[in-house]
Amino acid sequence: MSEVPDKLFFRIGEVAELVGVEPHVLRYWETEFKLRPQRSSSGQRLYRRQEVGRFLKVRQLLHQEGYTIAGARKAIAELASGEAPARPQVGVEMEALRDTLRRVRRLRAEIVALSGEVRG
């Protein structure tokens, strides 16, 4: 968190600029990641350095590592409990891929047969 200025509290505009997202995204992440910032007497959100760090981690997981909201939520929970977060699952199971390939080959054979009937 070296890029975060040494302050006690940050307003939502400052945090949005530090994290690189719009303020409405931070408000959405508050609901998804159970972040409850303090409020000023006028009701303005006041974030601590720790919360700014969590927002930076959420952004990294979502925007750079390709996690979904649910996956990032789980990864953050695992980090909090001391476990290493699991990498997001990418790809298709091989059997599903083989089934699709069989169907494509069967359809191709049918198309070739039909095109031969149309020509003949």
N, C-alpha and C. Protein backbone atom coordinates (compact mmCIF):
# COMPACT_ATOMS: atom_id res chain seq x y z
N MET A 1 0.82 -1.19 0.00
CA MET A 1 0.00 0.00 0.00
C MET A 1 0.87 1.25 0.00
N SER A 2 2.00 1.22 -0.64
CA SER A 2 2.89 2.37 -0.63
C SER A 2 2.33 3.52 -1.46
N GLU A 3 1.45 3.24 -2.44
CA GLU A 3 0.89 4.31 -3.25
C GLU A 3 -0.26 5.03 -2.55
N VAL A 4 -0.70 4.51 -1.41
CA VAL A 4 -1.79 5.14 -0.65
C VAL A 4 -1.17 6.18 0.27
N PRO A 5 -1.62 7.44 0.17
CA PRO A 5 -1.07 8.49 1.04
C PRO A 5 -1.27 8.16 2.52
N ASP A 6 -0.41 8.72 3.32
CA ASP A 6 -0.45 8.46 4.76
C ASP A 6 -1.46 9.40 5.42
N LYS A 7 -2.74 8.98 5.36
CA LYS A 7 -3.83 9.74 5.97
C LYS A 7 -4.68 8.78 6.78
N LEU A 8 -5.44 9.31 7.71
CA LEU A 8 -6.35 8.45 8.48
C LEU A 8 -7.59 8.09 7.68
N PHE A 9 -8.19 9.07 7.02
CA PHE A 9 -9.43 8.84 6.30
C PHE A 9 -9.36 9.39 4.89
N PHE A 10 -10.12 8.75 4.00
CA PHE A 10 -10.20 9.15 2.59
C PHE A 10 -11.67 9.26 2.21
N ARG A 11 -11.99 10.25 1.40
CA ARG A 11 -13.35 10.38 0.88
C ARG A 11 -13.49 9.50 -0.35
N ILE A 12 -14.73 9.25 -0.75
CA ILE A 12 -14.99 8.31 -1.84
C ILE A 12 -14.32 8.74 -3.15
N GLY A 13 -14.28 10.03 -3.43
CA GLY A 13 -13.63 10.51 -4.65
C GLY A 13 -12.14 10.22 -4.66
N GLU A 14 -11.51 10.39 -3.50
CA GLU A 14 -10.08 10.10 -3.38
C GLU A 14 -9.80 8.61 -3.58
N VAL A 15 -10.65 7.78 -2.95
CA VAL A 15 -10.46 6.33 -3.06
C VAL A 15 -10.70 5.88 -4.50
N ALA A 16 -11.73 6.43 -5.13
CA ALA A 16 -12.01 6.08 -6.53
C ALA A 16 -10.82 6.40 -7.42
N GLU A 17 -10.19 7.55 -7.19
CA GLU A 17 -9.02 7.93 -7.97
C GLU A 17 -7.83 7.00 -7.69
N LEU A 18 -7.61 6.68 -6.42
CA LEU A 18 -6.50 5.78 -6.06
C LEU A 18 -6.68 4.39 -6.66
N VAL A 19 -7.91 3.88 -6.61
CA VAL A 19 -8.20 2.52 -7.08
C VAL A 19 -8.34 2.47 -8.60
N GLY A 20 -8.77 3.58 -9.19
CA GLY A 20 -8.91 3.63 -10.64
C GLY A 20 -10.27 3.17 -11.13
N VAL A 21 -11.30 3.41 -10.31
CA VAL A 21 -12.67 3.09 -10.70
C VAL A 21 -13.56 4.27 -10.35
N GLU A 22 -14.80 4.23 -10.84
CA GLU A 22 -15.76 5.29 -10.53
C GLU A 22 -16.32 5.09 -9.11
N PRO A 23 -16.78 6.16 -8.48
CA PRO A 23 -17.34 6.03 -7.13
C PRO A 23 -18.50 5.04 -7.03
N HIS A 24 -19.34 4.95 -8.07
CA HIS A 24 -20.46 4.00 -7.99
C HIS A 24 -19.97 2.56 -7.93
N VAL A 25 -18.80 2.29 -8.50
CA VAL A 25 -18.22 0.95 -8.43
C VAL A 25 -17.82 0.64 -6.99
N LEU A 26 -17.24 1.61 -6.31
CA LEU A 26 -16.87 1.41 -4.90
C LEU A 26 -18.11 1.15 -4.05
N ARG A 27 -19.19 1.89 -4.31
CA ARG A 27 -20.42 1.66 -3.54
C ARG A 27 -20.96 0.25 -3.79
N TYR A 28 -20.86 -0.21 -5.04
CA TYR A 28 -21.29 -1.57 -5.35
C TYR A 28 -20.41 -2.59 -4.64
N TRP A 29 -19.10 -2.39 -4.68
CA TRP A 29 -18.18 -3.31 -4.01
C TRP A 29 -18.41 -3.33 -2.51
N GLU A 30 -18.82 -2.20 -1.94
CA GLU A 30 -19.14 -2.18 -0.50
C GLU A 30 -20.20 -3.23 -0.19
N THR A 31 -21.23 -3.30 -1.03
CA THR A 31 -22.30 -4.26 -0.77
C THR A 31 -21.83 -5.69 -1.01
N GLU A 32 -21.05 -5.92 -2.04
CA GLU A 32 -20.61 -7.26 -2.40
C GLU A 32 -19.55 -7.81 -1.45
N PHE A 33 -18.71 -6.95 -0.91
CA PHE A 33 -17.59 -7.39 -0.09
C PHE A 33 -17.74 -6.98 1.38
N LYS A 34 -18.94 -6.61 1.76
CA LYS A 34 -19.29 -6.31 3.15
C LYS A 34 -18.35 -5.27 3.78
N LEU A 35 -18.11 -4.20 3.05
CA LEU A 35 -17.32 -3.10 3.58
C LEU A 35 -18.28 -2.02 4.09
N ARG A 36 -18.08 -1.58 5.31
CA ARG A 36 -18.94 -0.57 5.91
C ARG A 36 -18.07 0.60 6.35
N PRO A 37 -17.92 1.60 5.49
CA PRO A 37 -17.10 2.75 5.89
C PRO A 37 -17.78 3.57 6.97
N GLN A 38 -16.97 4.31 7.70
CA GLN A 38 -17.54 5.25 8.65
C GLN A 38 -18.19 6.37 7.88
N ARG A 39 -19.05 7.11 8.56
CA ARG A 39 -19.71 8.26 7.94
C ARG A 39 -19.36 9.52 8.72
N SER A 40 -19.22 10.60 7.98
CA SER A 40 -19.02 11.88 8.65
C SER A 40 -20.36 12.36 9.20
N SER A 41 -20.34 13.46 9.91
CA SER A 41 -21.59 13.99 10.46
C SER A 41 -22.56 14.39 9.35
N SER A 42 -22.01 14.68 8.17
CA SER A 42 -22.88 15.03 7.03
C SER A 42 -23.27 13.80 6.20
N GLY A 43 -22.83 12.61 6.64
CA GLY A 43 -23.21 11.37 5.94
C GLY A 43 -22.25 10.93 4.86
N GLN A 44 -21.16 11.66 4.68
CA GLN A 44 -20.19 11.31 3.65
C GLN A 44 -19.36 10.10 4.07
N ARG A 45 -19.10 9.20 3.13
CA ARG A 45 -18.30 8.01 3.42
C ARG A 45 -16.86 8.40 3.73
N LEU A 46 -16.30 7.78 4.77
CA LEU A 46 -14.90 7.99 5.14
C LEU A 46 -14.24 6.62 5.25
N TYR A 47 -13.26 6.37 4.36
CA TYR A 47 -12.58 5.08 4.30
C TYR A 47 -11.23 5.17 5.01
N ARG A 48 -10.87 4.09 5.68
CA ARG A 48 -9.54 3.98 6.30
C ARG A 48 -8.57 3.37 5.31
N ARG A 49 -7.28 3.46 5.62
CA ARG A 49 -6.24 2.90 4.74
C ARG A 49 -6.48 1.41 4.49
N GLN A 50 -6.90 0.70 5.50
CA GLN A 50 -7.14 -0.74 5.37
C GLN A 50 -8.24 -1.01 4.33
N GLU A 51 -9.28 -0.20 4.36
CA GLU A 51 -10.37 -0.36 3.38
C GLU A 51 -9.91 -0.01 1.97
N VAL A 52 -9.07 1.00 1.86
CA VAL A 52 -8.50 1.34 0.56
C VAL A 52 -7.68 0.16 0.04
N GLY A 53 -6.90 -0.47 0.91
CA GLY A 53 -6.12 -1.64 0.53
C GLY A 53 -7.02 -2.79 0.07
N ARG A 54 -8.14 -2.99 0.74
CA ARG A 54 -9.07 -4.04 0.30
C ARG A 54 -9.65 -3.72 -1.07
N PHE A 55 -9.98 -2.46 -1.32
CA PHE A 55 -10.48 -2.08 -2.64
C PHE A 55 -9.42 -2.33 -3.72
N LEU A 56 -8.18 -2.02 -3.40
CA LEU A 56 -7.09 -2.28 -4.36
C LEU A 56 -6.97 -3.78 -4.64
N LYS A 57 -7.13 -4.61 -3.61
CA LYS A 57 -7.06 -6.06 -3.79
C LYS A 57 -8.25 -6.55 -4.63
N VAL A 58 -9.44 -6.02 -4.36
CA VAL A 58 -10.62 -6.39 -5.15
C VAL A 58 -10.40 -6.04 -6.61
N ARG A 59 -9.88 -4.85 -6.86
CA ARG A 59 -9.64 -4.42 -8.25
C ARG A 59 -8.63 -5.36 -8.93
N GLN A 60 -7.58 -5.71 -8.21
CA GLN A 60 -6.58 -6.62 -8.76
C GLN A 60 -7.21 -7.96 -9.13
N LEU A 61 -7.99 -8.51 -8.21
CA LEU A 61 -8.62 -9.81 -8.46
C LEU A 61 -9.58 -9.76 -9.64
N LEU A 62 -10.39 -8.71 -9.71
CA LEU A 62 -11.41 -8.63 -10.75
C LEU A 62 -10.83 -8.22 -12.10
N HIS A 63 -10.00 -7.20 -12.12
CA HIS A 63 -9.55 -6.61 -13.38
C HIS A 63 -8.27 -7.20 -13.93
N GLN A 64 -7.41 -7.70 -13.07
CA GLN A 64 -6.13 -8.20 -13.55
C GLN A 64 -6.05 -9.73 -13.55
N GLU A 65 -6.69 -10.36 -12.57
CA GLU A 65 -6.58 -11.81 -12.45
C GLU A 65 -7.80 -12.55 -12.98
N GLY A 66 -8.82 -11.82 -13.39
CA GLY A 66 -9.95 -12.44 -14.04
C GLY A 66 -10.97 -13.14 -13.16
N TYR A 67 -10.99 -12.82 -11.88
CA TYR A 67 -11.96 -13.42 -10.98
C TYR A 67 -13.35 -12.83 -11.23
N THR A 68 -14.37 -13.59 -10.92
CA THR A 68 -15.73 -13.07 -10.86
C THR A 68 -15.91 -12.42 -9.49
N ILE A 69 -17.04 -11.75 -9.30
CA ILE A 69 -17.32 -11.17 -7.98
C ILE A 69 -17.32 -12.26 -6.92
N ALA A 70 -18.03 -13.36 -7.21
CA ALA A 70 -18.10 -14.46 -6.23
C ALA A 70 -16.72 -15.06 -5.98
N GLY A 71 -15.93 -15.22 -7.03
CA GLY A 71 -14.58 -15.77 -6.88
C GLY A 71 -13.68 -14.84 -6.08
N ALA A 72 -13.79 -13.54 -6.33
CA ALA A 72 -12.98 -12.58 -5.58
C ALA A 72 -13.40 -12.56 -4.12
N ARG A 73 -14.71 -12.66 -3.87
CA ARG A 73 -15.21 -12.70 -2.49
C ARG A 73 -14.61 -13.90 -1.75
N LYS A 74 -14.60 -15.05 -2.44
CA LYS A 74 -14.06 -16.27 -1.84
C LYS A 74 -12.54 -16.14 -1.62
N ALA A 75 -11.84 -15.58 -2.60
CA ALA A 75 -10.39 -15.41 -2.48
C ALA A 75 -10.04 -14.50 -1.32
N ILE A 76 -10.80 -13.43 -1.14
CA ILE A 76 -10.54 -12.52 -0.03
C ILE A 76 -10.82 -13.21 1.30
N ALA A 77 -11.87 -14.01 1.36
CA ALA A 77 -12.16 -14.76 2.59
C ALA A 77 -11.04 -15.74 2.89
N GLU A 78 -10.51 -16.40 1.84
CA GLU A 78 -9.41 -17.34 2.03
C GLU A 78 -8.15 -16.61 2.50
N LEU A 79 -7.88 -15.44 1.94
CA LEU A 79 -6.73 -14.66 2.38
C LEU A 79 -6.87 -14.25 3.84
N ALA A 80 -8.08 -13.87 4.23
CA ALA A 80 -8.32 -13.46 5.62
C ALA A 80 -8.12 -14.62 6.58
N SER A 81 -8.44 -15.85 6.12
CA SER A 81 -8.29 -17.01 6.99
C SER A 81 -6.88 -17.60 6.93
N GLY A 82 -6.04 -17.04 6.06
CA GLY A 82 -4.66 -17.51 5.96
C GLY A 82 -4.42 -18.54 4.89
N GLU A 83 -5.47 -18.96 4.17
CA GLU A 83 -5.31 -19.93 3.09
C GLU A 83 -4.84 -19.21 1.83
N ALA A 84 -4.21 -19.97 0.95
CA ALA A 84 -3.85 -19.42 -0.36
C ALA A 84 -5.09 -19.50 -1.25
N PRO A 85 -5.45 -18.39 -1.90
CA PRO A 85 -6.65 -18.44 -2.75
C PRO A 85 -6.46 -19.33 -3.97
N ALA A 86 -7.51 -20.06 -4.31
CA ALA A 86 -7.48 -20.93 -5.49
C ALA A 86 -7.53 -20.07 -6.74
N ARG A 87 -6.83 -20.49 -7.76
CA ARG A 87 -6.87 -19.79 -9.04
C ARG A 87 -8.24 -19.99 -9.68
N PRO A 88 -8.73 -19.01 -10.43
CA PRO A 88 -10.02 -19.19 -11.08
C PRO A 88 -9.97 -20.32 -12.11
N GLN A 89 -11.04 -21.07 -12.19
CA GLN A 89 -11.13 -22.18 -13.14
C GLN A 89 -11.44 -21.62 -14.52
N VAL A 90 -10.57 -21.89 -15.46
CA VAL A 90 -10.75 -21.42 -16.83
C VAL A 90 -10.73 -22.63 -17.73
N GLY A 91 -11.61 -22.66 -18.72
CA GLY A 91 -11.59 -23.74 -19.68
C GLY A 91 -12.79 -24.64 -19.57
N VAL A 92 -12.76 -25.67 -20.39
CA VAL A 92 -13.87 -26.61 -20.51
C VAL A 92 -13.34 -27.99 -20.19
N GLU A 93 -14.17 -28.82 -19.59
CA GLU A 93 -13.75 -30.19 -19.32
C GLU A 93 -13.55 -30.92 -20.64
N MET A 94 -12.59 -31.81 -20.68
CA MET A 94 -12.24 -32.51 -21.92
C MET A 94 -13.41 -33.33 -22.46
N GLU A 95 -14.17 -33.98 -21.61
CA GLU A 95 -15.27 -34.82 -22.11
C GLU A 95 -16.33 -33.97 -22.79
N ALA A 96 -16.62 -32.82 -22.24
CA ALA A 96 -17.58 -31.91 -22.87
C ALA A 96 -17.06 -31.45 -24.22
N LEU A 97 -15.76 -31.21 -24.30
CA LEU A 97 -15.15 -30.80 -25.56
C LEU A 97 -15.21 -31.93 -26.59
N ARG A 98 -14.97 -33.16 -26.16
CA ARG A 98 -15.05 -34.31 -27.07
C ARG A 98 -16.48 -34.50 -27.59
N ASP A 99 -17.47 -34.35 -26.71
CA ASP A 99 -18.87 -34.47 -27.13
C ASP A 99 -19.21 -33.42 -28.19
N THR A 100 -18.76 -32.22 -27.97
CA THR A 100 -19.01 -31.14 -28.94
C THR A 100 -18.34 -31.45 -30.27
N LEU A 101 -17.13 -31.94 -30.24
CA LEU A 101 -16.42 -32.29 -31.47
C LEU A 101 -17.15 -33.39 -32.23
N ARG A 102 -17.64 -34.41 -31.51
CA ARG A 102 -18.43 -35.48 -32.17
C ARG A 102 -19.67 -34.91 -32.85
N ARG A 103 -20.37 -34.02 -32.17
CA ARG A 103 -21.58 -33.42 -32.75
C ARG A 103 -21.25 -32.61 -33.99
N VAL A 104 -20.17 -31.85 -33.94
CA VAL A 104 -19.76 -31.04 -35.09
C VAL A 104 -19.42 -31.95 -36.27
N ARG A 105 -18.69 -33.02 -36.02
CA ARG A 105 -18.34 -33.94 -37.11
C ARG A 105 -19.57 -34.59 -37.71
N ARG A 106 -20.53 -34.97 -36.85
CA ARG A 106 -21.77 -35.59 -37.33
C ARG A 106 -22.56 -34.59 -38.18
N LEU A 107 -22.67 -33.35 -37.71
CA LEU A 107 -23.36 -32.32 -38.48
C LEU A 107 -22.67 -32.03 -39.80
N ARG A 108 -21.36 -32.04 -39.80
CA ARG A 108 -20.61 -31.80 -41.03
C ARG A 108 -20.88 -32.90 -42.04
N ALA A 109 -20.90 -34.14 -41.56
CA ALA A 109 -21.18 -35.27 -42.45
C ALA A 109 -22.59 -35.15 -43.04
N GLU A 110 -23.56 -34.73 -42.22
CA GLU A 110 -24.92 -34.54 -42.72
C GLU A 110 -24.98 -33.43 -43.76
N ILE A 111 -24.26 -32.36 -43.54
CA ILE A 111 -24.23 -31.24 -44.50
C ILE A 111 -23.62 -31.69 -45.81
N VAL A 112 -22.53 -32.44 -45.74
CA VAL A 112 -21.89 -32.93 -46.97
C VAL A 112 -22.84 -33.86 -47.72
N ALA A 113 -23.56 -34.73 -47.01
CA ALA A 113 -24.51 -35.64 -47.64
C ALA A 113 -25.66 -34.85 -48.29
N LEU A 114 -26.17 -33.86 -47.59
CA LEU A 114 -27.26 -33.06 -48.14
C LEU A 114 -26.81 -32.24 -49.35
N SER A 115 -25.60 -31.71 -49.31
CA SER A 115 -25.12 -30.94 -50.46
C SER A 115 -24.92 -31.84 -51.66
N GLY A 116 -24.57 -33.11 -51.46
CA GLY A 116 -24.45 -34.06 -52.57
C GLY A 116 -25.82 -34.37 -53.16
N GLU A 117 -26.85 -34.45 -52.34
CA GLU A 117 -28.21 -34.69 -52.82
C GLU A 117 -28.73 -33.51 -53.62
N VAL A 118 -28.40 -32.29 -53.18
CA VAL A 118 -28.87 -31.09 -53.88
C VAL A 118 -28.23 -31.00 -55.24
N ARG A 119 -26.96 -31.33 -55.37
CA ARG A 119 -26.24 -31.27 -56.64
C ARG A 119 -26.72 -32.35 -57.62
N GLY A 120 -27.05 -33.52 -57.09
CA GLY A 120 -27.37 -34.68 -57.92
C GLY A 120 -28.73 -34.66 -58.40
